[in-house]
């Protein structure tokens, strides 16, 4: 697969975060074809490997003490959201 354009990459990241907890939707994400996940030695790209990459990246980006609040927001909004109350 050719490299993603910046707008396509940004869209794929947004979609991956939006669908982080939905493996079936994450399986269709364009990032699964990106060299970041399919490069030499990376093994097969799976939705679970994309989840791991997103989780590790969020932790690395927001690892500073000043970023603790941003890390909590990212975690509670995308990575480990509270279950929605069925109505």
C-alpha atoms as a PDB file:
ATOM      1  CA  UNK A   1       0.000   0.000   0.000  1.00  0.00           C
ATOM      2  CA  UNK A   2       1.356   3.478  -0.795  1.00  0.00           C
ATOM      3  CA  UNK A   3       2.147   5.834   2.042  1.00  0.00           C
ATOM      4  CA  UNK A   4      -0.797   7.747   3.436  1.00  0.00           C
ATOM      5  CA  UNK A   5      -1.017  11.446   2.726  1.00  0.00           C
ATOM      6  CA  UNK A   6      -0.959  13.632   5.821  1.00  0.00           C
ATOM      7  CA  UNK A   7      -4.732  14.273   5.703  1.00  0.00           C
ATOM      8  CA  UNK A   8      -5.369  10.532   5.229  1.00  0.00           C
ATOM      9  CA  UNK A   9      -2.998   9.699   8.109  1.00  0.00           C
ATOM     10  CA  UNK A  10      -4.691  12.219  10.392  1.00  0.00           C
ATOM     11  CA  UNK A  11      -8.094  10.830   9.460  1.00  0.00           C
ATOM     12  CA  UNK A  12      -6.913   7.262  10.095  1.00  0.00           C
ATOM     13  CA  UNK A  13      -5.542   8.231  13.524  1.00  0.00           C
ATOM     14  CA  UNK A  14      -8.825   9.944  14.453  1.00  0.00           C
ATOM     15  CA  UNK A  15     -10.777   6.890  13.296  1.00  0.00           C
ATOM     16  CA  UNK A  16      -8.437   4.550  15.180  1.00  0.00           C
ATOM     17  CA  UNK A  17      -8.945   6.502  18.391  1.00  0.00           C
ATOM     18  CA  UNK A  18     -12.702   6.660  17.829  1.00  0.00           C
ATOM     19  CA  UNK A  19     -12.843   2.896  17.237  1.00  0.00           C
ATOM     20  CA  UNK A  20     -10.128   1.888  19.721  1.00  0.00           C
ATOM     21  CA  UNK A  21     -12.438  -0.399  21.704  1.00  0.00           C
ATOM     22  CA  UNK A  22     -14.261  -1.816  18.659  1.00  0.00           C
ATOM     23  CA  UNK A  23     -11.985  -4.457  17.153  1.00  0.00           C
ATOM     24  CA  UNK A  24     -14.269  -5.081  14.172  1.00  0.00           C
ATOM     25  CA  UNK A  25     -14.161  -1.404  13.151  1.00  0.00           C
ATOM     26  CA  UNK A  26     -10.476  -1.046  13.982  1.00  0.00           C
ATOM     27  CA  UNK A  27      -9.743  -3.963  11.626  1.00  0.00           C
ATOM     28  CA  UNK A  28     -10.669  -1.763   8.645  1.00  0.00           C
ATOM     29  CA  UNK A  29      -8.372   1.115   9.642  1.00  0.00           C
ATOM     30  CA  UNK A  30      -5.850   2.286   7.024  1.00  0.00           C
ATOM     31  CA  UNK A  31      -3.079   2.385   9.650  1.00  0.00           C
ATOM     32  CA  UNK A  32      -2.997  -1.417   9.567  1.00  0.00           C
ATOM     33  CA  UNK A  33      -1.425  -1.110   6.121  1.00  0.00           C
ATOM     34  CA  UNK A  34       1.066   1.592   7.145  1.00  0.00           C
ATOM     35  CA  UNK A  35       4.784   0.774   7.300  1.00  0.00           C
ATOM     36  CA  UNK A  36       4.711   1.726  10.969  1.00  0.00           C
ATOM     37  CA  UNK A  37       2.837  -1.513  11.660  1.00  0.00           C
ATOM     38  CA  UNK A  38       3.936  -3.621   8.700  1.00  0.00           C
ATOM     39  CA  UNK A  39       7.660  -2.887   8.609  1.00  0.00           C
ATOM     40  CA  UNK A  40      10.400  -5.503   8.909  1.00  0.00           C
ATOM     41  CA  UNK A  41      10.324  -7.367  12.209  1.00  0.00           C
ATOM     42  CA  UNK A  42       6.948  -5.990  13.219  1.00  0.00           C
ATOM     43  CA  UNK A  43       4.985  -9.179  12.537  1.00  0.00           C
ATOM     44  CA  UNK A  44       1.460  -9.190  11.204  1.00  0.00           C
ATOM     45  CA  UNK A  45      -0.495  -5.997  11.679  1.00  0.00           C
ATOM     46  CA  UNK A  46      -3.620  -6.710  13.712  1.00  0.00           C
ATOM     47  CA  UNK A  47      -6.209  -4.508  15.375  1.00  0.00           C
ATOM     48  CA  UNK A  48      -4.617  -5.502  18.686  1.00  0.00           C
ATOM     49  CA  UNK A  49      -1.172  -4.355  17.511  1.00  0.00           C
ATOM     50  CA  UNK A  50      -2.741  -1.033  16.482  1.00  0.00           C
ATOM     51  CA  UNK A  51      -4.338  -0.734  19.931  1.00  0.00           C
ATOM     52  CA  UNK A  52      -0.962  -1.390  21.546  1.00  0.00           C
ATOM     53  CA  UNK A  53       0.732   1.206  19.346  1.00  0.00           C
ATOM     54  CA  UNK A  54      -1.922   3.825  20.134  1.00  0.00           C
ATOM     55  CA  UNK A  55      -1.704   3.098  23.861  1.00  0.00           C
ATOM     56  CA  UNK A  56       2.106   3.246  23.936  1.00  0.00           C
ATOM     57  CA  UNK A  57       2.153   6.404  21.838  1.00  0.00           C
ATOM     58  CA  UNK A  58      -0.346   8.173  24.093  1.00  0.00           C
ATOM     59  CA  UNK A  59       1.692   7.215  27.163  1.00  0.00           C
ATOM     60  CA  UNK A  60       4.904   8.458  25.532  1.00  0.00           C
ATOM     61  CA  UNK A  61       3.355  11.727  24.332  1.00  0.00           C
ATOM     62  CA  UNK A  62       1.831  12.529  27.694  1.00  0.00           C
ATOM     63  CA  UNK A  63       4.511  11.148  30.003  1.00  0.00           C
ATOM     64  CA  UNK A  64       5.588  14.431  31.564  1.00  0.00           C
ATOM     65  CA  UNK A  65       4.170  15.599  34.852  1.00  0.00           C
ATOM     66  CA  UNK A  66       2.581  18.610  33.166  1.00  0.00           C
ATOM     67  CA  UNK A  67       0.842  16.257  30.733  1.00  0.00           C
ATOM     68  CA  UNK A  68      -0.831  14.095  33.387  1.00  0.00           C
ATOM     69  CA  UNK A  69      -4.219  15.728  32.875  1.00  0.00           C
ATOM     70  CA  UNK A  70      -4.011  15.323  29.079  1.00  0.00           C
ATOM     71  CA  UNK A  71      -3.092  11.673  29.555  1.00  0.00           C
ATOM     72  CA  UNK A  72      -6.153  11.133  31.762  1.00  0.00           C
ATOM     73  CA  UNK A  73      -8.403  12.851  29.205  1.00  0.00           C
ATOM     74  CA  UNK A  74      -6.998  10.758  26.347  1.00  0.00           C
ATOM     75  CA  UNK A  75      -7.308   7.579  28.386  1.00  0.00           C
ATOM     76  CA  UNK A  76     -10.856   8.176  29.617  1.00  0.00           C
ATOM     77  CA  UNK A  77     -12.108   9.549  26.287  1.00  0.00           C
ATOM     78  CA  UNK A  78     -10.587   7.109  23.801  1.00  0.00           C
ATOM     79  CA  UNK A  79      -8.559   4.286  25.307  1.00  0.00           C
ATOM     80  CA  UNK A  80     -10.672   3.203  28.280  1.00  0.00           C
ATOM     81  CA  UNK A  81     -13.996   5.063  28.102  1.00  0.00           C
ATOM     82  CA  UNK A  82     -16.721   4.437  30.616  1.00  0.00           C
ATOM     83  CA  UNK A  83     -19.474   2.217  29.339  1.00  0.00           C
ATOM     84  CA  UNK A  84     -22.406   4.110  27.945  1.00  0.00           C
ATOM     85  CA  UNK A  85     -25.591   3.842  29.936  1.00  0.00           C
ATOM     86  CA  UNK A  86     -28.174   2.101  27.709  1.00  0.00           C
ATOM     87  CA  UNK A  87     -31.409   4.074  27.619  1.00  0.00           C
END
